[in-house]
Protein backbone atom coordinates (compact mmCIF):
# COMPACT_ATOMS: atom_id res chain seq x y z
CA MET A 1 -0.19 -0.19 -0.19
CA ARG A 2 2.71 2.27 0.82
CA SER A 3 4.76 1.70 -2.20
CA TRP A 4 1.59 2.62 -4.07
CA LEU A 5 1.33 5.77 -2.50
CA TRP A 6 4.77 6.70 -3.05
CA LYS A 7 4.43 6.08 -7.02
CA GLY A 8 1.21 7.97 -6.94
CA MET A 9 2.29 10.85 -5.24
CA LEU A 10 5.88 10.59 -7.36
CA ALA A 11 3.86 10.86 -10.64
CA ALA A 12 1.42 13.96 -9.26
CA ALA A 13 4.52 15.90 -8.56
CA VAL A 14 5.65 14.91 -12.22
CA ALA A 15 2.55 15.85 -13.80
CA VAL A 16 1.68 19.06 -11.92
CA PRO A 17 4.48 21.19 -13.50
CA ALA A 18 3.62 19.27 -17.11
CA LEU A 19 0.10 19.92 -16.91
CA GLY A 20 1.14 23.86 -16.27
CA GLY A 21 3.48 23.74 -19.27
CA ALA A 22 0.62 22.28 -21.61
CA ALA A 23 -1.92 25.26 -19.78
CA TRP A 24 0.37 27.66 -21.33
CA ALA A 25 0.60 26.07 -24.68
CA ASP A 26 -3.15 25.86 -24.51
CA GLY A 27 -3.31 29.31 -24.03
CA GLY A 28 -3.20 29.68 -19.97
CA CYS A 29 -2.30 33.06 -18.71
CA SER A 30 -2.46 35.42 -15.72
CA ASP A 31 -1.22 38.49 -14.96
CA GLU A 32 2.52 37.36 -14.83
CA THR A 33 2.09 36.78 -18.32
CA LEU A 34 2.71 40.48 -18.99
CA GLN A 35 6.20 41.33 -17.92
CA GLY A 36 8.74 43.80 -19.12
CA GLU A 37 8.73 46.52 -21.79
CA TYR A 38 6.38 46.41 -24.83
CA ALA A 39 6.69 48.90 -27.49
CA PHE A 40 3.16 50.01 -28.72
CA GLY A 41 1.57 51.99 -31.83
CA VAL A 42 -2.25 53.12 -31.84
CA THR A 43 -4.53 54.33 -34.23
CA THR A 44 -7.36 56.79 -33.33
CA TYR A 45 -10.12 57.68 -35.43
CA THR A 46 -12.80 59.77 -34.01
CA SER A 47 -15.96 61.29 -35.88
CA PRO A 48 -15.16 64.54 -37.56
CA ALA A 49 -17.56 66.36 -35.42
CA GLN A 50 -15.46 65.60 -32.52
CA PRO A 51 -12.54 68.01 -31.33
CA ASN A 52 -9.23 66.56 -32.37
CA GLY A 53 -10.92 64.85 -35.40
CA PRO A 54 -9.65 62.01 -37.27
CA PRO A 55 -6.67 60.58 -37.24
CA GLU A 56 -4.40 60.32 -34.53
CA VAL A 57 -1.56 58.00 -33.94
CA VAL A 58 0.50 57.38 -30.84
CA THR A 59 3.61 55.49 -30.34
CA GLY A 60 5.29 54.55 -26.95
CA ILE A 61 6.38 52.19 -24.37
CA LYS A 62 4.51 50.04 -21.52
CA LEU A 63 6.32 48.73 -18.32
CA PHE A 64 4.31 45.60 -17.03
CA ASP A 65 5.25 44.17 -13.74
CA GLY A 66 3.86 40.93 -13.80
CA LYS A 67 1.41 41.90 -10.57
CA GLY A 68 -1.23 44.29 -12.72
CA ASN A 69 0.61 47.52 -12.79
CA LEU A 70 1.79 49.31 -15.84
CA THR A 71 3.61 52.45 -16.47
CA GLN A 72 3.81 54.06 -19.78
CA ARG A 73 5.67 57.14 -21.84
CA ASP A 74 4.26 57.64 -25.32
CA TYR A 75 4.44 60.35 -28.16
CA GLN A 76 1.47 62.11 -30.19
CA GLY A 77 2.15 62.65 -33.57
CA ASP A 78 1.43 65.43 -35.49
CA SER A 79 2.43 67.04 -31.57
CA GLY A 80 5.55 69.06 -32.97
CA ASN A 81 8.68 69.08 -31.15
CA THR A 82 7.20 67.82 -27.92
CA PRO A 83 8.98 65.02 -25.83
CA PHE A 84 7.65 61.77 -25.28
CA ARG A 85 4.44 62.27 -22.39
CA THR A 86 5.65 60.22 -18.78
CA GLY A 87 4.25 59.92 -15.71
CA GLU A 88 1.61 57.50 -17.37
CA PHE A 89 0.44 54.71 -15.24
CA GLY A 90 -2.48 52.06 -14.62
CA THR A 91 -3.56 48.36 -14.16
CA TYR A 92 -4.10 45.72 -15.90
CA GLY A 93 -6.01 41.95 -15.43
CA VAL A 94 -5.19 38.87 -17.18
CA ASP A 95 -8.19 36.10 -17.31
CA ALA A 96 -6.54 32.41 -17.99
CA ASP A 97 -8.53 32.47 -21.64
CA CYS A 98 -5.43 35.29 -22.38
CA THR A 99 -8.18 38.27 -22.50
CA GLY A 100 -8.15 40.70 -19.78
CA SER A 101 -8.33 44.49 -19.63
CA ILE A 102 -6.00 47.57 -18.91
CA THR A 103 -6.73 51.16 -17.35
CA ILE A 104 -4.61 53.86 -18.22
CA PHE A 105 -4.47 57.29 -16.87
CA THR A 106 -2.77 59.97 -18.96
CA ASN A 107 -2.89 63.38 -19.12
CA GLY A 108 -5.86 63.66 -16.75
CA SER A 109 -7.81 60.87 -18.99
CA ARG A 110 -8.66 57.60 -18.45
CA ILE A 111 -8.33 54.73 -21.35
CA ASP A 112 -10.12 51.43 -20.56
CA ALA A 113 -9.18 48.98 -23.04
CA LYS A 114 -9.84 45.10 -23.83
CA ILE A 115 -6.83 42.96 -24.63
CA VAL A 116 -6.04 39.60 -25.96
CA ILE A 117 -2.60 38.50 -25.35
CA SER A 118 -1.08 35.81 -28.12
CA ASP A 119 2.63 34.78 -28.95
CA GLY A 120 3.12 33.11 -25.51
CA GLY A 121 2.70 36.72 -23.84
CA ARG A 122 5.03 38.55 -26.47
CA HIS A 123 1.86 40.65 -28.30
CA ILE A 124 -1.41 42.29 -27.18
CA HIS A 125 -4.01 43.29 -29.22
CA GLU A 126 -5.77 46.43 -27.86
CA VAL A 127 -9.05 47.91 -28.44
CA VAL A 128 -10.67 51.16 -26.53
CA SER A 129 -13.71 50.20 -24.88
CA GLU A 130 -13.86 53.80 -23.02
CA LEU A 131 -12.08 57.30 -23.24
CA GLN A 132 -12.77 59.57 -20.78
CA VAL A 133 -11.47 63.34 -21.09
CA PRO A 134 -11.41 65.85 -18.15
CA VAL A 135 -14.69 68.40 -18.84
CA GLY A 136 -15.32 71.61 -17.06
CA PRO A 137 -13.99 73.87 -14.98
CA GLY A 138 -13.78 70.75 -12.31
CA GLY A 139 -12.24 68.54 -14.55
CA VAL A 140 -14.80 66.05 -14.58
CA LEU A 141 -14.02 62.77 -16.57
CA THR A 142 -16.40 62.30 -19.13
CA PRO A 143 -16.96 59.58 -21.70
CA VAL A 144 -15.96 60.68 -25.50
CA HIS A 145 -18.19 59.11 -28.05
CA PRO A 146 -17.72 57.48 -30.82
CA VAL A 147 -14.07 56.87 -30.57
CA HIS A 148 -12.46 54.16 -32.25
CA VAL A 149 -8.80 53.03 -31.08
CA SER A 150 -6.84 50.10 -31.63
CA ALA A 151 -3.20 49.43 -30.67
CA ASP A 152 -0.82 46.29 -30.93
CA ASP A 153 1.95 45.92 -28.30
CA TRP A 154 5.47 43.78 -28.83
CA LYS A 155 7.33 42.83 -26.13
CA VAL A 156 10.89 44.24 -26.75
CA GLY A 157 13.82 41.99 -26.72
CA LEU A 158 14.00 38.87 -24.61
CA ASP A 159 14.38 38.42 -20.61
CA GLU A 160 15.11 34.98 -18.43
CA SER A 161 11.42 34.00 -18.62
CA ASP A 162 11.48 33.44 -22.17
CA THR A 163 12.59 30.60 -23.38
CA ARG A 164 12.35 30.84 -27.13
CA GLN A 165 16.16 32.06 -27.26
């Protein structure tokens, strides 16, 4: 009986890490999936009736900490010789099916996006689900509609956790 129990425990100890690897191959993701720097490009289309009408482009770098927090610096196209904006921050959550959401606070605005992660965490596809901008004397965050924003983020370089070197 003890021999059978010992063999069963040994088999479980070997199988659990293997299943974890299989889950990764099948799309198992978490907040830890996003770690390090990701370069991104954004294209924004707004109605011509809206202020700052179409199109708008932004490029930048997001830094994910693997624990649900991010920082960002970016440059808005057609904004002249202005430097990259810094001090942008946010949070994110990743579900096991490699979908999730991001909230970014930038320049007084709030951006909520839905994400899909691919290529083992090296590529993020984003679509803005809501954009809120400060309006009025109190700077109350107010949704802007219609806004159509999409972004793609690519991991910059390889790190120790990337086994595809």
